[in-house]
N, C-alpha and C. Protein backbone atom coordinates (compact mmCIF):
# COMPACT_ATOMS: atom_id res chain seq x y z
N UNK A 1 84.81 109.62 84.94
CA UNK A 1 85.22 110.86 86.03
C UNK A 1 86.03 110.41 87.11
N UNK A 2 87.00 110.33 87.66
CA UNK A 2 87.50 110.81 88.62
C UNK A 2 86.80 111.18 89.64
N UNK A 3 86.66 110.34 91.00
CA UNK A 3 86.11 111.24 91.93
C UNK A 3 87.52 112.41 92.25
N UNK A 4 86.95 113.54 93.30
CA UNK A 4 87.91 114.08 94.02
C UNK A 4 89.54 113.29 94.61
N UNK A 5 88.57 112.77 96.30
CA UNK A 5 89.41 112.08 96.56
C UNK A 5 90.42 111.09 95.82
N UNK A 6 90.47 110.75 94.87
CA UNK A 6 90.94 109.63 93.98
C UNK A 6 91.70 110.71 93.51
N UNK A 7 91.77 111.62 92.79
CA UNK A 7 92.68 112.27 92.20
C UNK A 7 93.64 113.09 92.95
N UNK A 8 93.57 113.18 94.10
CA UNK A 8 94.43 113.42 94.94
C UNK A 8 95.51 112.82 95.31
N UNK A 9 94.63 111.96 95.90
CA UNK A 9 95.96 110.21 96.47
C UNK A 9 96.63 109.80 95.36
N UNK A 10 95.90 110.29 93.60
CA UNK A 10 96.85 110.51 92.60
C UNK A 10 98.11 111.26 92.70
N UNK A 11 98.01 112.28 92.89
CA UNK A 11 98.45 113.48 92.76
C UNK A 11 99.48 112.96 93.73
N UNK A 12 99.18 112.87 94.80
CA UNK A 12 100.12 112.73 96.19
C UNK A 12 100.99 111.00 95.81
N UNK A 13 100.37 110.17 95.03
CA UNK A 13 101.55 109.14 94.74
C UNK A 13 102.27 109.46 94.44
N UNK A 14 102.44 110.33 92.71
CA UNK A 14 102.88 110.52 92.22
C UNK A 14 103.65 111.59 92.22
N UNK A 15 103.64 112.15 93.07
CA UNK A 15 104.54 113.12 93.36
C UNK A 15 105.85 112.21 94.62
N UNK A 16 105.93 111.48 95.51
CA UNK A 16 106.31 110.18 96.48
C UNK A 16 106.90 109.55 94.86
N UNK A 17 106.43 108.81 94.11
CA UNK A 17 107.05 108.41 93.13
C UNK A 17 108.14 108.80 92.03
N UNK A 18 108.26 110.18 92.10
CA UNK A 18 108.34 111.14 91.21
C UNK A 18 109.87 111.38 91.67
N UNK A 19 110.34 111.07 92.97
CA UNK A 19 111.61 111.23 94.24
C UNK A 19 112.14 110.34 94.22
N UNK A 20 111.20 109.14 93.66
CA UNK A 20 111.99 108.09 94.07
C UNK A 20 113.50 107.52 92.45
N UNK A 21 114.33 107.48 93.14
CA UNK A 21 115.80 107.42 92.05
C UNK A 21 115.86 106.31 91.09
N UNK A 22 114.99 105.18 92.08
CA UNK A 22 114.84 103.90 91.32
C UNK A 22 113.64 103.79 90.19
N UNK A 23 113.07 104.91 90.28
CA UNK A 23 112.01 104.89 88.55
C UNK A 23 112.57 105.07 87.98
N UNK A 24 111.77 103.63 86.72
CA UNK A 24 113.16 103.90 85.55
C UNK A 24 111.92 104.36 84.31
N UNK A 25 110.89 104.88 85.30
CA UNK A 25 110.39 105.56 83.72
C UNK A 25 108.80 106.65 84.12
N UNK A 26 110.28 107.91 84.34
CA UNK A 26 109.33 108.78 85.46
C UNK A 26 108.19 109.36 83.89
N UNK A 27 108.46 109.26 83.23
CA UNK A 27 107.76 109.81 81.98
C UNK A 27 106.18 109.07 81.95
N UNK A 28 106.98 108.35 82.02
CA UNK A 28 105.72 106.67 82.12
C UNK A 28 104.88 107.98 83.37
N UNK A 29 105.01 107.58 84.71
CA UNK A 29 103.92 108.07 85.63
C UNK A 29 103.17 109.22 84.98
N UNK A 30 104.01 110.05 84.90
CA UNK A 30 103.44 111.48 84.24
C UNK A 30 102.17 111.19 83.51
N UNK A 31 102.63 110.06 82.64
CA UNK A 31 101.50 109.57 81.71
C UNK A 31 99.93 108.92 81.95
N UNK A 32 101.02 108.35 82.88
CA UNK A 32 99.43 107.49 84.06
C UNK A 32 99.01 108.12 84.58
N UNK A 33 99.35 109.02 85.37
CA UNK A 33 98.79 110.41 85.78
C UNK A 33 97.51 111.41 84.80
N UNK A 34 98.12 111.20 83.79
CA UNK A 34 97.62 112.03 83.67
C UNK A 34 96.50 111.83 82.70
N UNK A 35 96.58 110.51 82.22
CA UNK A 35 95.37 109.31 81.60
C UNK A 35 94.55 109.30 81.73
N UNK A 36 94.41 109.13 83.81
CA UNK A 36 93.41 109.14 84.46
C UNK A 36 92.39 110.83 84.13
N UNK A 37 92.66 112.15 84.02
CA UNK A 37 92.52 113.19 83.67
C UNK A 37 91.65 113.62 82.27
N UNK A 38 93.23 112.93 81.15
CA UNK A 38 92.59 113.55 79.51
C UNK A 38 92.56 112.52 79.32
N UNK A 39 91.40 111.25 78.39
CA UNK A 39 91.36 109.71 78.44
C UNK A 39 91.66 109.66 76.99
N UNK A 40 91.88 111.12 75.76
CA UNK A 40 92.32 110.83 75.14
C UNK A 40 94.03 110.71 74.92
N UNK A 41 94.61 111.23 75.67
CA UNK A 41 95.72 110.62 75.96
C UNK A 41 96.65 111.65 75.49
N UNK A 42 96.04 112.44 74.96
CA UNK A 42 97.34 113.06 73.29
C UNK A 42 97.76 114.41 73.92
N UNK A 43 97.17 115.08 74.84
CA UNK A 43 97.36 115.91 75.78
C UNK A 43 98.55 115.19 76.48
N UNK A 44 98.10 114.36 77.46
CA UNK A 44 99.26 113.65 78.34
C UNK A 44 100.68 113.54 77.71
N UNK A 45 100.20 112.53 76.51
CA UNK A 45 101.67 112.89 75.84
C UNK A 45 102.14 113.43 75.57
N UNK A 46 102.18 114.58 75.36
CA UNK A 46 102.74 115.59 74.96
C UNK A 46 102.48 116.65 76.31
N UNK A 47 102.59 116.75 77.62
CA UNK A 47 102.32 117.20 78.86
C UNK A 47 104.03 116.25 79.23
N UNK A 48 103.42 115.48 79.36
CA UNK A 48 104.36 114.19 80.10
C UNK A 48 105.70 113.81 78.97
N UNK A 49 105.90 114.05 77.75
CA UNK A 49 107.11 114.16 77.25
C UNK A 49 108.33 115.42 77.07
N UNK A 50 106.96 116.57 77.08
CA UNK A 50 107.99 117.52 77.74
C UNK A 50 108.18 118.79 78.88
N UNK A 51 107.53 117.78 79.95
CA UNK A 51 107.68 117.95 80.92
C UNK A 51 109.09 116.92 81.53
N UNK A 52 109.43 115.53 81.16
CA UNK A 52 110.30 114.89 81.30
C UNK A 52 111.77 114.70 80.38
N UNK A 53 110.44 115.09 78.98
CA UNK A 53 111.73 115.31 77.56
C UNK A 53 111.41 113.47 77.77
N UNK A 54 111.83 112.89 76.10
CA UNK A 54 111.47 111.15 75.62
C UNK A 54 112.52 111.03 75.88
N UNK A 55 112.19 110.05 76.08
CA UNK A 55 112.80 108.55 76.75
C UNK A 55 113.37 107.87 76.00
N UNK A 56 114.70 107.41 76.06
CA UNK A 56 115.25 106.49 74.98
C UNK A 56 114.75 105.30 74.90
């Protein structure tokens, strides 16, 4: 279980990285963030794909 401050910092860090134009894997960043919340990964992958789109 992620602690509250840890999760907050992850979300803030994700917000910063998602604005980085050099980021080659935005869906991966979303996936990594959500994996820290959803250990099964199933909802995380579905959400990341819906949010960013399928990566080619």
